Protein backbone atom coordinates (compact mmCIF):
# COMPACT_ATOMS: atom_id res chain seq x y z
CA UNK A 1 0.00 0.00 0.00
CA UNK A 2 2.76 2.44 0.92
CA UNK A 3 4.69 1.51 -2.26
CA UNK A 4 1.66 2.43 -4.39
CA UNK A 5 1.36 5.76 -2.59
CA UNK A 6 5.05 6.53 -3.23
CA UNK A 7 4.64 5.74 -6.93
CA UNK A 8 1.56 8.01 -7.12
CA UNK A 9 3.44 10.88 -5.50
CA UNK A 10 6.40 10.34 -7.83
CA UNK A 11 4.07 10.36 -10.84
CA UNK A 12 2.48 13.58 -9.56
CA UNK A 13 5.88 15.29 -9.31
CA UNK A 14 6.91 13.88 -12.69
CA UNK A 15 3.72 15.34 -14.19
CA UNK A 16 4.43 18.75 -12.62
CA UNK A 17 8.00 18.56 -13.91
CA UNK A 18 6.93 17.56 -17.41
CA UNK A 19 4.19 20.21 -17.68
CA UNK A 20 6.48 22.96 -16.41
CA UNK A 21 9.10 22.05 -19.00
CA UNK A 22 6.47 21.96 -21.76
CA UNK A 23 5.25 25.41 -20.71
CA UNK A 24 8.76 26.78 -20.35
CA UNK A 25 9.54 26.60 -24.08
CA UNK A 26 6.64 28.73 -25.41
CA UNK A 27 6.68 31.12 -22.46
CA UNK A 28 10.40 31.76 -22.93
CA UNK A 29 10.06 32.08 -26.71
CA UNK A 30 7.15 34.53 -26.40
CA UNK A 31 8.97 36.58 -23.78
CA UNK A 32 12.14 36.77 -25.83
CA UNK A 33 10.22 37.88 -28.91
CA UNK A 34 8.48 40.84 -27.22
CA UNK A 35 9.68 44.32 -28.10
CA UNK A 36 8.27 46.33 -25.20
CA UNK A 37 10.37 46.44 -22.03
CA UNK A 38 7.20 46.09 -19.94
CA UNK A 39 6.07 42.98 -21.84
CA UNK A 40 9.51 41.41 -21.58
CA UNK A 41 9.42 41.89 -17.79
CA UNK A 42 5.92 40.39 -17.54
CA UNK A 43 6.95 37.29 -19.44
CA UNK A 44 10.12 37.02 -17.35
CA UNK A 45 8.01 36.91 -14.19
CA UNK A 46 5.82 34.16 -15.67
CA UNK A 47 8.97 32.32 -16.78
CA UNK A 48 10.44 32.53 -13.28
CA UNK A 49 7.26 31.10 -11.76
CA UNK A 50 7.31 28.17 -14.18
CA UNK A 51 10.97 27.37 -13.65
CA UNK A 52 10.47 27.63 -9.90
CA UNK A 53 7.87 24.86 -10.24
CA UNK A 54 10.35 22.95 -12.38
CA UNK A 55 13.08 23.41 -9.76
CA UNK A 56 10.85 22.16 -6.92
CA UNK A 57 9.82 19.11 -8.92
CA UNK A 58 13.45 18.49 -9.90
CA UNK A 59 14.59 18.47 -6.28
CA UNK A 60 11.83 16.06 -5.23
CA UNK A 61 12.51 13.74 -8.16
CA UNK A 62 16.26 13.89 -7.58
CA UNK A 63 15.79 12.83 -3.96
CA UNK A 64 13.62 9.90 -5.03
CA UNK A 65 15.82 8.72 -7.92
CA UNK A 66 19.39 9.47 -6.81
CA UNK A 67 20.04 5.98 -5.45
CA UNK A 68 19.14 4.40 -8.80
CA UNK A 69 21.34 6.49 -11.10
CA UNK A 70 23.44 9.04 -9.22
CA UNK A 71 25.46 10.23 -12.23
CA UNK A 72 22.45 10.70 -14.49
CA UNK A 73 20.47 12.41 -11.73
CA UNK A 74 23.39 14.75 -11.08
CA UNK A 75 23.47 15.60 -14.79
CA UNK A 76 19.75 16.29 -14.64
CA UNK A 77 20.28 18.74 -11.79
CA UNK A 78 23.10 20.49 -13.62
CA UNK A 79 20.99 20.72 -16.76
CA UNK A 80 18.11 22.25 -14.80
CA UNK A 81 20.44 24.88 -13.32
CA UNK A 82 21.89 25.51 -16.79
CA UNK A 83 18.41 26.08 -18.23
CA UNK A 84 17.64 28.66 -15.54
CA UNK A 85 20.96 30.43 -16.14
CA UNK A 86 20.42 30.44 -19.92
CA UNK A 87 16.93 31.89 -19.52
CA UNK A 88 18.12 34.62 -17.16
CA UNK A 89 21.06 35.54 -19.42
CA UNK A 90 18.83 35.60 -22.49
CA UNK A 91 16.24 37.85 -20.84
CA UNK A 92 19.02 40.11 -19.56
CA UNK A 93 20.50 40.43 -23.03
CA UNK A 94 17.04 41.00 -24.51
CA UNK A 95 16.37 43.86 -22.11
CA UNK A 96 19.68 45.50 -23.07
CA UNK A 97 19.44 45.00 -26.85
CA UNK A 98 18.04 42.72 -29.53
CA UNK A 99 18.55 39.00 -29.16
CA UNK A 100 19.17 36.61 -32.03
CA UNK A 101 16.82 33.73 -32.77
CA UNK A 102 19.73 31.38 -32.01
CA UNK A 103 19.32 32.11 -28.28
CA UNK A 104 15.69 30.98 -28.36
CA UNK A 105 16.64 27.81 -30.24
CA UNK A 106 19.51 27.03 -27.83
CA UNK A 107 17.26 27.51 -24.79
CA UNK A 108 14.51 25.35 -26.34
CA UNK A 109 16.99 22.56 -27.05
CA UNK A 110 18.41 22.79 -23.52
CA UNK A 111 14.90 22.53 -22.07
CA UNK A 112 14.12 19.51 -24.26
CA UNK A 113 17.39 17.82 -23.26
CA UNK A 114 16.65 18.49 -19.59
CA UNK A 115 13.14 17.09 -19.95
CA UNK A 116 14.40 13.95 -21.66
CA UNK A 117 17.04 13.24 -19.03
CA UNK A 118 14.57 13.93 -16.21
CA UNK A 119 11.88 11.67 -17.58
CA UNK A 120 14.29 8.85 -18.38
CA UNK A 121 15.86 8.88 -14.92
CA UNK A 122 12.51 8.96 -13.16
CA UNK A 123 10.87 6.27 -15.29
CA UNK A 124 13.89 3.99 -14.88
CA UNK A 125 13.65 4.26 -11.09
CA UNK A 126 9.90 3.64 -10.74
C-alpha atoms as a PDB file:
ATOM      1  CA  UNK A   1       0.000   0.000   0.000  1.00  0.00           C
ATOM      2  CA  UNK A   2       2.760   2.440   0.918  1.00  0.00           C
ATOM      3  CA  UNK A   3       4.690   1.506  -2.259  1.00  0.00           C
ATOM      4  CA  UNK A   4       1.661   2.428  -4.389  1.00  0.00           C
ATOM      5  CA  UNK A   5       1.359   5.759  -2.592  1.00  0.00           C
ATOM      6  CA  UNK A   6       5.047   6.528  -3.226  1.00  0.00           C
ATOM      7  CA  UNK A   7       4.636   5.737  -6.933  1.00  0.00           C
ATOM      8  CA  UNK A   8       1.558   8.006  -7.121  1.00  0.00           C
ATOM      9  CA  UNK A   9       3.439  10.878  -5.495  1.00  0.00           C
ATOM     10  CA  UNK A  10       6.396  10.342  -7.831  1.00  0.00           C
ATOM     11  CA  UNK A  11       4.071  10.360 -10.838  1.00  0.00           C
ATOM     12  CA  UNK A  12       2.480  13.579  -9.563  1.00  0.00           C
ATOM     13  CA  UNK A  13       5.882  15.287  -9.315  1.00  0.00           C
ATOM     14  CA  UNK A  14       6.906  13.881 -12.692  1.00  0.00           C
ATOM     15  CA  UNK A  15       3.723  15.336 -14.189  1.00  0.00           C
ATOM     16  CA  UNK A  16       4.429  18.749 -12.621  1.00  0.00           C
ATOM     17  CA  UNK A  17       8.002  18.556 -13.910  1.00  0.00           C
ATOM     18  CA  UNK A  18       6.931  17.563 -17.412  1.00  0.00           C
ATOM     19  CA  UNK A  19       4.189  20.210 -17.683  1.00  0.00           C
ATOM     20  CA  UNK A  20       6.476  22.961 -16.405  1.00  0.00           C
ATOM     21  CA  UNK A  21       9.100  22.049 -19.001  1.00  0.00           C
ATOM     22  CA  UNK A  22       6.475  21.958 -21.761  1.00  0.00           C
ATOM     23  CA  UNK A  23       5.251  25.406 -20.711  1.00  0.00           C
ATOM     24  CA  UNK A  24       8.760  26.784 -20.346  1.00  0.00           C
ATOM     25  CA  UNK A  25       9.540  26.605 -24.080  1.00  0.00           C
ATOM     26  CA  UNK A  26       6.641  28.730 -25.414  1.00  0.00           C
ATOM     27  CA  UNK A  27       6.679  31.123 -22.461  1.00  0.00           C
ATOM     28  CA  UNK A  28      10.398  31.763 -22.930  1.00  0.00           C
ATOM     29  CA  UNK A  29      10.059  32.084 -26.710  1.00  0.00           C
ATOM     30  CA  UNK A  30       7.148  34.528 -26.395  1.00  0.00           C
ATOM     31  CA  UNK A  31       8.969  36.576 -23.775  1.00  0.00           C
ATOM     32  CA  UNK A  32      12.143  36.773 -25.827  1.00  0.00           C
ATOM     33  CA  UNK A  33      10.219  37.885 -28.907  1.00  0.00           C
ATOM     34  CA  UNK A  34       8.482  40.836 -27.221  1.00  0.00           C
ATOM     35  CA  UNK A  35       9.677  44.320 -28.101  1.00  0.00           C
ATOM     36  CA  UNK A  36       8.271  46.329 -25.197  1.00  0.00           C
ATOM     37  CA  UNK A  37      10.372  46.442 -22.026  1.00  0.00           C
ATOM     38  CA  UNK A  38       7.203  46.087 -19.943  1.00  0.00           C
ATOM     39  CA  UNK A  39       6.068  42.979 -21.839  1.00  0.00           C
ATOM     40  CA  UNK A  40       9.508  41.410 -21.577  1.00  0.00           C
ATOM     41  CA  UNK A  41       9.424  41.894 -17.793  1.00  0.00           C
ATOM     42  CA  UNK A  42       5.924  40.394 -17.544  1.00  0.00           C
ATOM     43  CA  UNK A  43       6.952  37.287 -19.444  1.00  0.00           C
ATOM     44  CA  UNK A  44      10.124  37.019 -17.352  1.00  0.00           C
ATOM     45  CA  UNK A  45       8.013  36.915 -14.193  1.00  0.00           C
ATOM     46  CA  UNK A  46       5.822  34.163 -15.667  1.00  0.00           C
ATOM     47  CA  UNK A  47       8.965  32.320 -16.777  1.00  0.00           C
ATOM     48  CA  UNK A  48      10.438  32.530 -13.278  1.00  0.00           C
ATOM     49  CA  UNK A  49       7.259  31.102 -11.759  1.00  0.00           C
ATOM     50  CA  UNK A  50       7.307  28.167 -14.181  1.00  0.00           C
ATOM     51  CA  UNK A  51      10.971  27.369 -13.649  1.00  0.00           C
ATOM     52  CA  UNK A  52      10.465  27.632  -9.897  1.00  0.00           C
ATOM     53  CA  UNK A  53       7.868  24.857 -10.238  1.00  0.00           C
ATOM     54  CA  UNK A  54      10.349  22.946 -12.382  1.00  0.00           C
ATOM     55  CA  UNK A  55      13.082  23.407  -9.765  1.00  0.00           C
ATOM     56  CA  UNK A  56      10.852  22.157  -6.919  1.00  0.00           C
ATOM     57  CA  UNK A  57       9.820  19.108  -8.921  1.00  0.00           C
ATOM     58  CA  UNK A  58      13.447  18.492  -9.901  1.00  0.00           C
ATOM     59  CA  UNK A  59      14.589  18.470  -6.281  1.00  0.00           C
ATOM     60  CA  UNK A  60      11.832  16.057  -5.232  1.00  0.00           C
ATOM     61  CA  UNK A  61      12.506  13.738  -8.163  1.00  0.00           C
ATOM     62  CA  UNK A  62      16.262  13.889  -7.577  1.00  0.00           C
ATOM     63  CA  UNK A  63      15.789  12.825  -3.960  1.00  0.00           C
ATOM     64  CA  UNK A  64      13.623   9.900  -5.028  1.00  0.00           C
ATOM     65  CA  UNK A  65      15.816   8.725  -7.916  1.00  0.00           C
ATOM     66  CA  UNK A  66      19.392   9.467  -6.805  1.00  0.00           C
ATOM     67  CA  UNK A  67      20.041   5.984  -5.446  1.00  0.00           C
ATOM     68  CA  UNK A  68      19.138   4.397  -8.803  1.00  0.00           C
ATOM     69  CA  UNK A  69      21.337   6.495 -11.102  1.00  0.00           C
ATOM     70  CA  UNK A  70      23.443   9.041  -9.222  1.00  0.00           C
ATOM     71  CA  UNK A  71      25.463  10.232 -12.231  1.00  0.00           C
ATOM     72  CA  UNK A  72      22.446  10.703 -14.494  1.00  0.00           C
ATOM     73  CA  UNK A  73      20.465  12.413 -11.732  1.00  0.00           C
ATOM     74  CA  UNK A  74      23.392  14.752 -11.078  1.00  0.00           C
ATOM     75  CA  UNK A  75      23.474  15.595 -14.789  1.00  0.00           C
ATOM     76  CA  UNK A  76      19.751  16.288 -14.642  1.00  0.00           C
ATOM     77  CA  UNK A  77      20.279  18.739 -11.786  1.00  0.00           C
ATOM     78  CA  UNK A  78      23.104  20.491 -13.620  1.00  0.00           C
ATOM     79  CA  UNK A  79      20.988  20.716 -16.759  1.00  0.00           C
ATOM     80  CA  UNK A  80      18.114  22.250 -14.797  1.00  0.00           C
ATOM     81  CA  UNK A  81      20.436  24.879 -13.317  1.00  0.00           C
ATOM     82  CA  UNK A  82      21.889  25.510 -16.785  1.00  0.00           C
ATOM     83  CA  UNK A  83      18.410  26.084 -18.226  1.00  0.00           C
ATOM     84  CA  UNK A  84      17.637  28.658 -15.539  1.00  0.00           C
ATOM     85  CA  UNK A  85      20.960  30.429 -16.139  1.00  0.00           C
ATOM     86  CA  UNK A  86      20.418  30.435 -19.918  1.00  0.00           C
ATOM     87  CA  UNK A  87      16.931  31.895 -19.515  1.00  0.00           C
ATOM     88  CA  UNK A  88      18.124  34.618 -17.163  1.00  0.00           C
ATOM     89  CA  UNK A  89      21.060  35.542 -19.415  1.00  0.00           C
ATOM     90  CA  UNK A  90      18.826  35.599 -22.491  1.00  0.00           C
ATOM     91  CA  UNK A  91      16.242  37.853 -20.841  1.00  0.00           C
ATOM     92  CA  UNK A  92      19.017  40.110 -19.555  1.00  0.00           C
ATOM     93  CA  UNK A  93      20.496  40.431 -23.027  1.00  0.00           C
ATOM     94  CA  UNK A  94      17.042  41.003 -24.507  1.00  0.00           C
ATOM     95  CA  UNK A  95      16.369  43.865 -22.110  1.00  0.00           C
ATOM     96  CA  UNK A  96      19.684  45.497 -23.070  1.00  0.00           C
ATOM     97  CA  UNK A  97      19.437  44.997 -26.851  1.00  0.00           C
ATOM     98  CA  UNK A  98      18.043  42.720 -29.527  1.00  0.00           C
ATOM     99  CA  UNK A  99      18.555  39.003 -29.158  1.00  0.00           C
ATOM    100  CA  UNK A 100      19.173  36.612 -32.031  1.00  0.00           C
ATOM    101  CA  UNK A 101      16.818  33.731 -32.765  1.00  0.00           C
ATOM    102  CA  UNK A 102      19.729  31.377 -32.009  1.00  0.00           C
ATOM    103  CA  UNK A 103      19.320  32.107 -28.276  1.00  0.00           C
ATOM    104  CA  UNK A 104      15.685  30.978 -28.363  1.00  0.00           C
ATOM    105  CA  UNK A 105      16.644  27.810 -30.236  1.00  0.00           C
ATOM    106  CA  UNK A 106      19.506  27.027 -27.825  1.00  0.00           C
ATOM    107  CA  UNK A 107      17.256  27.510 -24.794  1.00  0.00           C
ATOM    108  CA  UNK A 108      14.507  25.355 -26.335  1.00  0.00           C
ATOM    109  CA  UNK A 109      16.988  22.561 -27.053  1.00  0.00           C
ATOM    110  CA  UNK A 110      18.412  22.793 -23.524  1.00  0.00           C
ATOM    111  CA  UNK A 111      14.905  22.528 -22.068  1.00  0.00           C
ATOM    112  CA  UNK A 112      14.120  19.506 -24.259  1.00  0.00           C
ATOM    113  CA  UNK A 113      17.387  17.817 -23.258  1.00  0.00           C
ATOM    114  CA  UNK A 114      16.655  18.488 -19.588  1.00  0.00           C
ATOM    115  CA  UNK A 115      13.137  17.087 -19.953  1.00  0.00           C
ATOM    116  CA  UNK A 116      14.402  13.951 -21.663  1.00  0.00           C
ATOM    117  CA  UNK A 117      17.039  13.237 -19.032  1.00  0.00           C
ATOM    118  CA  UNK A 118      14.570  13.933 -16.213  1.00  0.00           C
ATOM    119  CA  UNK A 119      11.875  11.673 -17.578  1.00  0.00           C
ATOM    120  CA  UNK A 120      14.295   8.846 -18.382  1.00  0.00           C
ATOM    121  CA  UNK A 121      15.857   8.880 -14.916  1.00  0.00           C
ATOM    122  CA  UNK A 122      12.515   8.957 -13.159  1.00  0.00           C
ATOM    123  CA  UNK A 123      10.867   6.270 -15.291  1.00  0.00           C
ATOM    124  CA  UNK A 124      13.893   3.991 -14.876  1.00  0.00           C
ATOM    125  CA  UNK A 125      13.650   4.263 -11.091  1.00  0.00           C
ATOM    126  CA  UNK A 126       9.903   3.638 -10.737  1.00  0.00           C
END
